[in-house]
Amino acid sequence: MKTEVIQSLITTFESCVQKTENGVEYWLARDLQHLLGYGEWRNFNVAIAKAKAACEVSGYPVADHFVDINKMVELGSGSKRAVADIMLMRYACYLIAQNGKSTQAMKAEWDVPDKRPLADFAPTIILKAKDFA
């Protein structure tokens, strides 16, 4: 992957960051869904579930990195409705990226064991992405 493309992806990811009133950074899962190329929420939930399992296996409390919320969205008719979303800490974003559909395809191509992160087998540029997490 070219450096310009990677820098563009990093910039796009960082532009979606939000902060709580206490200054804690987070990303909304529905925003991250589109950045990672998922068209449907239900498909993205599969990657989220795998990431939550990886978080638990790594010994970190899932609730510290994945916070379920509801947010109001405007419908085409002008009315509003609550939809489920998830506040994701940076580590949660990393885990989702590691457990996403494109990552799984790369793991298969590179013969990476299921329990090992792709970044352990990747070129240096991907290691930089792991550093951000």
N, C-alpha and C. Protein backbone atom coordinates (compact mmCIF):
# COMPACT_ATOMS: atom_id res chain seq x y z
N MET A 1 0.85 -1.16 0.00
CA MET A 1 0.00 0.00 0.00
C MET A 1 0.90 1.23 0.00
N LYS A 2 0.54 2.22 -0.80
CA LYS A 2 1.36 3.42 -0.93
C LYS A 2 1.23 4.30 0.32
N THR A 3 2.31 5.00 0.60
CA THR A 3 2.36 5.87 1.77
C THR A 3 1.24 6.90 1.75
N GLU A 4 0.93 7.46 0.59
CA GLU A 4 -0.13 8.47 0.49
C GLU A 4 -1.48 7.89 0.87
N VAL A 5 -1.75 6.67 0.45
CA VAL A 5 -3.02 6.02 0.77
C VAL A 5 -3.11 5.77 2.27
N ILE A 6 -2.04 5.28 2.85
CA ILE A 6 -2.02 5.02 4.29
C ILE A 6 -2.21 6.31 5.07
N GLN A 7 -1.52 7.37 4.66
CA GLN A 7 -1.66 8.66 5.35
C GLN A 7 -3.09 9.17 5.23
N SER A 8 -3.71 8.99 4.08
CA SER A 8 -5.09 9.40 3.89
C SER A 8 -6.04 8.63 4.82
N LEU A 9 -5.81 7.33 4.95
CA LEU A 9 -6.63 6.51 5.84
C LEU A 9 -6.47 6.93 7.30
N ILE A 10 -5.24 7.22 7.69
CA ILE A 10 -4.98 7.66 9.07
C ILE A 10 -5.68 9.00 9.32
N THR A 11 -5.56 9.92 8.37
CA THR A 11 -6.19 11.23 8.51
C THR A 11 -7.70 11.09 8.61
N THR A 12 -8.29 10.25 7.78
CA THR A 12 -9.73 10.03 7.81
C THR A 12 -10.15 9.43 9.15
N PHE A 13 -9.40 8.44 9.63
CA PHE A 13 -9.70 7.83 10.93
C PHE A 13 -9.64 8.86 12.04
N GLU A 14 -8.57 9.63 12.08
CA GLU A 14 -8.39 10.63 13.13
C GLU A 14 -9.41 11.76 13.05
N SER A 15 -9.93 12.03 11.85
CA SER A 15 -10.93 13.10 11.72
C SER A 15 -12.29 12.69 12.32
N CYS A 16 -12.50 11.42 12.55
CA CYS A 16 -13.76 10.93 13.11
C CYS A 16 -13.74 10.86 14.64
N VAL A 17 -12.60 11.17 15.25
CA VAL A 17 -12.49 11.08 16.71
C VAL A 17 -13.42 12.11 17.36
N GLN A 18 -14.01 11.69 18.46
CA GLN A 18 -14.82 12.57 19.28
C GLN A 18 -14.27 12.50 20.70
N LYS A 19 -14.70 13.41 21.55
CA LYS A 19 -14.22 13.41 22.93
C LYS A 19 -15.39 13.57 23.89
N THR A 20 -15.29 12.86 25.01
CA THR A 20 -16.27 13.04 26.07
C THR A 20 -15.98 14.37 26.76
N GLU A 21 -16.88 14.78 27.64
CA GLU A 21 -16.63 16.04 28.37
C GLU A 21 -15.39 15.96 29.25
N ASN A 22 -14.92 14.73 29.54
CA ASN A 22 -13.69 14.54 30.32
C ASN A 22 -12.45 14.43 29.43
N GLY A 23 -12.63 14.57 28.12
CA GLY A 23 -11.50 14.54 27.20
C GLY A 23 -11.09 13.16 26.72
N VAL A 24 -11.90 12.13 26.99
CA VAL A 24 -11.58 10.77 26.55
C VAL A 24 -11.96 10.63 25.07
N GLU A 25 -10.99 10.18 24.27
CA GLU A 25 -11.23 9.99 22.84
C GLU A 25 -12.07 8.74 22.58
N TYR A 26 -12.96 8.84 21.58
CA TYR A 26 -13.73 7.68 21.16
C TYR A 26 -14.18 7.86 19.71
N TRP A 27 -14.53 6.76 19.09
CA TRP A 27 -15.08 6.74 17.75
C TRP A 27 -16.43 6.05 17.84
N LEU A 28 -17.37 6.44 17.00
CA LEU A 28 -18.66 5.75 16.95
C LEU A 28 -18.55 4.60 15.95
N ALA A 29 -19.07 3.46 16.34
CA ALA A 29 -18.97 2.27 15.51
C ALA A 29 -19.62 2.47 14.14
N ARG A 30 -20.73 3.20 14.10
CA ARG A 30 -21.39 3.42 12.80
C ARG A 30 -20.54 4.27 11.86
N ASP A 31 -19.69 5.13 12.40
CA ASP A 31 -18.74 5.87 11.56
C ASP A 31 -17.61 4.95 11.10
N LEU A 32 -17.08 4.17 12.02
CA LEU A 32 -16.00 3.25 11.70
C LEU A 32 -16.45 2.18 10.70
N GLN A 33 -17.70 1.79 10.79
CA GLN A 33 -18.27 0.80 9.87
C GLN A 33 -18.01 1.21 8.42
N HIS A 34 -18.29 2.44 8.10
CA HIS A 34 -18.13 2.90 6.72
C HIS A 34 -16.65 3.07 6.34
N LEU A 35 -15.84 3.49 7.31
CA LEU A 35 -14.40 3.62 7.03
C LEU A 35 -13.78 2.27 6.69
N LEU A 36 -14.29 1.19 7.30
CA LEU A 36 -13.74 -0.14 7.06
C LEU A 36 -14.44 -0.87 5.91
N GLY A 37 -15.37 -0.20 5.25
CA GLY A 37 -15.99 -0.76 4.05
C GLY A 37 -17.16 -1.69 4.27
N TYR A 38 -17.79 -1.61 5.43
CA TYR A 38 -18.97 -2.44 5.70
C TYR A 38 -20.21 -1.66 5.30
N GLY A 39 -21.03 -2.25 4.44
CA GLY A 39 -22.26 -1.61 4.01
C GLY A 39 -23.41 -1.82 4.99
N GLU A 40 -23.40 -2.93 5.68
CA GLU A 40 -24.52 -3.25 6.57
C GLU A 40 -24.05 -3.39 8.01
N TRP A 41 -24.84 -2.84 8.92
CA TRP A 41 -24.54 -2.88 10.35
C TRP A 41 -24.44 -4.31 10.86
N ARG A 42 -25.34 -5.18 10.42
CA ARG A 42 -25.34 -6.56 10.92
C ARG A 42 -24.04 -7.28 10.57
N ASN A 43 -23.47 -6.99 9.42
CA ASN A 43 -22.19 -7.61 9.05
C ASN A 43 -21.05 -7.03 9.89
N PHE A 44 -21.12 -5.75 10.16
CA PHE A 44 -20.10 -5.12 10.98
C PHE A 44 -20.16 -5.63 12.41
N ASN A 45 -21.35 -5.97 12.88
CA ASN A 45 -21.50 -6.51 14.23
C ASN A 45 -20.74 -7.82 14.42
N VAL A 46 -20.54 -8.58 13.35
CA VAL A 46 -19.75 -9.81 13.44
C VAL A 46 -18.31 -9.47 13.82
N ALA A 47 -17.74 -8.46 13.16
CA ALA A 47 -16.37 -8.04 13.48
C ALA A 47 -16.30 -7.47 14.89
N ILE A 48 -17.33 -6.74 15.31
CA ILE A 48 -17.36 -6.18 16.66
C ILE A 48 -17.39 -7.31 17.69
N ALA A 49 -18.21 -8.32 17.45
CA ALA A 49 -18.30 -9.45 18.39
C ALA A 49 -16.95 -10.16 18.51
N LYS A 50 -16.26 -10.35 17.40
CA LYS A 50 -14.93 -10.98 17.44
C LYS A 50 -13.94 -10.10 18.19
N ALA A 51 -14.04 -8.79 17.98
CA ALA A 51 -13.14 -7.85 18.66
C ALA A 51 -13.40 -7.85 20.17
N LYS A 52 -14.66 -7.94 20.57
CA LYS A 52 -14.98 -8.01 22.00
C LYS A 52 -14.41 -9.28 22.61
N ALA A 53 -14.51 -10.38 21.89
CA ALA A 53 -13.94 -11.64 22.38
C ALA A 53 -12.42 -11.53 22.51
N ALA A 54 -11.78 -10.90 21.54
CA ALA A 54 -10.32 -10.72 21.59
C ALA A 54 -9.94 -9.82 22.76
N CYS A 55 -10.75 -8.83 23.04
CA CYS A 55 -10.49 -7.93 24.17
C CYS A 55 -10.57 -8.71 25.48
N GLU A 56 -11.58 -9.53 25.60
CA GLU A 56 -11.75 -10.34 26.81
C GLU A 56 -10.60 -11.32 26.98
N VAL A 57 -10.19 -11.98 25.89
CA VAL A 57 -9.09 -12.94 25.94
C VAL A 57 -7.78 -12.25 26.33
N SER A 58 -7.63 -11.00 25.90
CA SER A 58 -6.40 -10.27 26.22
C SER A 58 -6.37 -9.78 27.67
N GLY A 59 -7.48 -9.99 28.39
CA GLY A 59 -7.51 -9.65 29.81
C GLY A 59 -8.02 -8.25 30.13
N TYR A 60 -8.53 -7.54 29.14
CA TYR A 60 -9.05 -6.20 29.37
C TYR A 60 -10.57 -6.25 29.49
N PRO A 61 -11.14 -5.44 30.36
CA PRO A 61 -12.61 -5.40 30.49
C PRO A 61 -13.25 -4.84 29.21
N VAL A 62 -14.13 -5.60 28.61
CA VAL A 62 -14.79 -5.19 27.37
C VAL A 62 -15.51 -3.85 27.56
N ALA A 63 -16.17 -3.68 28.69
CA ALA A 63 -16.93 -2.46 28.95
C ALA A 63 -16.07 -1.20 29.01
N ASP A 64 -14.76 -1.35 29.20
CA ASP A 64 -13.86 -0.19 29.21
C ASP A 64 -13.54 0.29 27.80
N HIS A 65 -13.78 -0.54 26.79
CA HIS A 65 -13.38 -0.22 25.42
C HIS A 65 -14.55 -0.18 24.44
N PHE A 66 -15.66 -0.82 24.78
CA PHE A 66 -16.86 -0.88 23.94
C PHE A 66 -18.05 -0.45 24.81
N VAL A 67 -18.60 0.72 24.56
CA VAL A 67 -19.70 1.23 25.38
C VAL A 67 -20.95 1.35 24.50
N ASP A 68 -21.97 0.54 24.81
CA ASP A 68 -23.22 0.58 24.05
C ASP A 68 -23.96 1.89 24.32
N ILE A 69 -24.43 2.53 23.25
CA ILE A 69 -25.20 3.76 23.37
C ILE A 69 -26.34 3.73 22.35
N ASN A 70 -27.25 4.65 22.47
CA ASN A 70 -28.27 4.92 21.46
C ASN A 70 -28.09 6.35 21.02
N LYS A 71 -28.30 6.60 19.74
CA LYS A 71 -28.23 7.97 19.24
C LYS A 71 -29.43 8.21 18.34
N MET A 72 -29.81 9.45 18.24
CA MET A 72 -30.95 9.83 17.41
C MET A 72 -30.46 10.13 15.99
N VAL A 73 -31.16 9.56 15.02
CA VAL A 73 -30.86 9.84 13.62
C VAL A 73 -32.12 10.37 12.96
N GLU A 74 -31.91 11.22 11.97
CA GLU A 74 -33.04 11.79 11.26
C GLU A 74 -33.41 10.87 10.10
N LEU A 75 -34.70 10.60 9.98
CA LEU A 75 -35.20 9.77 8.90
C LEU A 75 -35.56 10.65 7.71
N GLY A 76 -35.80 10.04 6.58
CA GLY A 76 -36.14 10.77 5.37
C GLY A 76 -37.37 11.64 5.51
N SER A 77 -38.29 11.23 6.36
CA SER A 77 -39.53 11.98 6.57
C SER A 77 -39.33 13.19 7.47
N GLY A 78 -38.12 13.34 8.02
CA GLY A 78 -37.85 14.45 8.93
C GLY A 78 -38.02 14.07 10.39
N SER A 79 -38.61 12.93 10.65
CA SER A 79 -38.74 12.48 12.04
C SER A 79 -37.42 11.87 12.50
N LYS A 80 -37.32 11.61 13.80
CA LYS A 80 -36.09 11.05 14.35
C LYS A 80 -36.39 9.73 15.03
N ARG A 81 -35.35 8.90 15.10
CA ARG A 81 -35.48 7.60 15.74
C ARG A 81 -34.16 7.23 16.39
N ALA A 82 -34.25 6.50 17.48
CA ALA A 82 -33.04 6.04 18.19
C ALA A 82 -32.49 4.79 17.50
N VAL A 83 -31.19 4.75 17.30
CA VAL A 83 -30.52 3.57 16.76
C VAL A 83 -29.37 3.20 17.69
N ALA A 84 -29.07 1.92 17.73
CA ALA A 84 -27.96 1.42 18.56
C ALA A 84 -26.64 1.82 17.92
N ASP A 85 -25.69 2.18 18.74
CA ASP A 85 -24.33 2.47 18.30
C ASP A 85 -23.40 2.07 19.44
N ILE A 86 -22.12 2.17 19.21
CA ILE A 86 -21.14 1.79 20.23
C ILE A 86 -20.04 2.84 20.25
N MET A 87 -19.72 3.34 21.44
CA MET A 87 -18.55 4.20 21.60
C MET A 87 -17.35 3.27 21.69
N LEU A 88 -16.37 3.51 20.83
CA LEU A 88 -15.19 2.66 20.77
C LEU A 88 -13.95 3.44 21.18
N MET A 89 -13.21 2.89 22.11
CA MET A 89 -11.92 3.47 22.44
C MET A 89 -10.93 3.05 21.36
N ARG A 90 -9.77 3.66 21.33
CA ARG A 90 -8.77 3.37 20.28
C ARG A 90 -8.42 1.88 20.22
N TYR A 91 -8.29 1.25 21.38
CA TYR A 91 -7.96 -0.18 21.40
C TYR A 91 -9.07 -1.00 20.76
N ALA A 92 -10.32 -0.62 20.98
CA ALA A 92 -11.45 -1.32 20.36
C ALA A 92 -11.39 -1.19 18.83
N CYS A 93 -11.04 0.00 18.35
CA CYS A 93 -10.91 0.21 16.90
C CYS A 93 -9.84 -0.71 16.32
N TYR A 94 -8.73 -0.80 17.03
CA TYR A 94 -7.65 -1.69 16.60
C TYR A 94 -8.12 -3.14 16.54
N LEU A 95 -8.82 -3.57 17.58
CA LEU A 95 -9.30 -4.96 17.61
C LEU A 95 -10.30 -5.23 16.50
N ILE A 96 -11.16 -4.27 16.21
CA ILE A 96 -12.13 -4.44 15.13
C ILE A 96 -11.41 -4.56 13.80
N ALA A 97 -10.43 -3.69 13.58
CA ALA A 97 -9.66 -3.76 12.33
C ALA A 97 -8.95 -5.10 12.20
N GLN A 98 -8.44 -5.63 13.31
CA GLN A 98 -7.75 -6.92 13.29
C GLN A 98 -8.70 -8.07 13.03
N ASN A 99 -9.97 -7.90 13.34
CA ASN A 99 -10.95 -8.98 13.20
C ASN A 99 -11.92 -8.75 12.06
N GLY A 100 -11.64 -7.78 11.22
CA GLY A 100 -12.53 -7.46 10.10
C GLY A 100 -12.39 -8.41 8.93
N LYS A 101 -13.29 -8.26 7.96
CA LYS A 101 -13.33 -9.17 6.82
C LYS A 101 -12.07 -9.09 5.96
N SER A 102 -11.55 -7.87 5.72
CA SER A 102 -10.35 -7.78 4.88
C SER A 102 -9.14 -8.35 5.62
N THR A 103 -9.10 -8.15 6.94
CA THR A 103 -8.00 -8.68 7.73
C THR A 103 -8.03 -10.20 7.71
N GLN A 104 -9.22 -10.78 7.82
CA GLN A 104 -9.34 -12.24 7.80
C GLN A 104 -8.87 -12.81 6.46
N ALA A 105 -9.17 -12.11 5.38
CA ALA A 105 -8.72 -12.57 4.06
C ALA A 105 -7.20 -12.51 3.96
N MET A 106 -6.60 -11.45 4.51
CA MET A 106 -5.15 -11.33 4.49
C MET A 106 -4.51 -12.40 5.37
N LYS A 107 -5.13 -12.69 6.52
CA LYS A 107 -4.61 -13.73 7.39
C LYS A 107 -4.58 -15.07 6.67
N ALA A 108 -5.63 -15.36 5.94
CA ALA A 108 -5.69 -16.62 5.19
C ALA A 108 -4.61 -16.66 4.11
N GLU A 109 -4.44 -15.53 3.44
CA GLU A 109 -3.45 -15.47 2.36
C GLU A 109 -2.03 -15.63 2.90
N TRP A 110 -1.74 -15.09 4.08
CA TRP A 110 -0.41 -15.14 4.66
C TRP A 110 -0.24 -16.30 5.64
N ASP A 111 -1.24 -17.17 5.78
CA ASP A 111 -1.21 -18.31 6.70
C ASP A 111 -0.93 -17.90 8.15
N VAL A 112 -1.62 -16.85 8.59
CA VAL A 112 -1.47 -16.36 9.96
C VAL A 112 -2.41 -17.17 10.86
N PRO A 113 -1.91 -17.73 11.95
CA PRO A 113 -2.79 -18.47 12.86
C PRO A 113 -3.90 -17.57 13.40
N ASP A 114 -5.09 -18.14 13.62
CA ASP A 114 -6.26 -17.37 14.06
C ASP A 114 -6.01 -16.55 15.30
N LYS A 115 -5.26 -17.06 16.24
CA LYS A 115 -5.08 -16.38 17.53
C LYS A 115 -3.95 -15.34 17.50
N ARG A 116 -3.29 -15.19 16.36
CA ARG A 116 -2.18 -14.24 16.24
C ARG A 116 -2.63 -13.01 15.46
N PRO A 117 -2.17 -11.81 15.83
CA PRO A 117 -2.53 -10.62 15.07
C PRO A 117 -1.82 -10.58 13.72
N LEU A 118 -2.51 -10.07 12.74
CA LEU A 118 -1.95 -9.93 11.40
C LEU A 118 -0.68 -9.09 11.43
N ALA A 119 -0.66 -8.07 12.26
CA ALA A 119 0.49 -7.15 12.31
C ALA A 119 1.79 -7.86 12.65
N ASP A 120 1.72 -9.00 13.35
CA ASP A 120 2.93 -9.74 13.67
C ASP A 120 3.59 -10.33 12.42
N PHE A 121 2.83 -10.43 11.35
CA PHE A 121 3.33 -11.05 10.12
C PHE A 121 3.42 -10.06 8.96
N ALA A 122 3.10 -8.81 9.23
CA ALA A 122 2.95 -7.82 8.17
C ALA A 122 4.21 -7.00 7.95
N PRO A 123 4.25 -6.33 6.81
CA PRO A 123 5.37 -5.42 6.54
C PRO A 123 5.39 -4.26 7.55
N THR A 124 6.45 -3.53 7.56
CA THR A 124 6.67 -2.45 8.52
C THR A 124 5.54 -1.43 8.53
N ILE A 125 4.97 -1.12 7.40
CA ILE A 125 3.93 -0.09 7.34
C ILE A 125 2.71 -0.48 8.16
N ILE A 126 2.37 -1.75 8.18
CA ILE A 126 1.23 -2.19 8.98
C ILE A 126 1.60 -2.16 10.46
N LEU A 127 2.85 -2.39 10.76
CA LEU A 127 3.29 -2.29 12.15
C LEU A 127 3.09 -0.88 12.69
N LYS A 128 3.21 0.11 11.83
CA LYS A 128 2.97 1.49 12.26
C LYS A 128 1.51 1.65 12.66
N ALA A 129 0.61 1.03 11.94
CA ALA A 129 -0.81 1.09 12.29
C ALA A 129 -1.05 0.44 13.65
N LYS A 130 -0.33 -0.63 13.93
CA LYS A 130 -0.45 -1.29 15.23
C LYS A 130 0.03 -0.36 16.33
N ASP A 131 1.07 0.43 16.07
CA ASP A 131 1.58 1.39 17.05
C ASP A 131 0.53 2.43 17.42
N PHE A 132 -0.28 2.85 16.45
CA PHE A 132 -1.32 3.84 16.72
C PHE A 132 -2.31 3.31 17.73
N ALA A 133 -2.56 2.00 17.72
CA ALA A 133 -3.51 1.42 18.65
C ALA A 133 -2.90 1.33 20.02
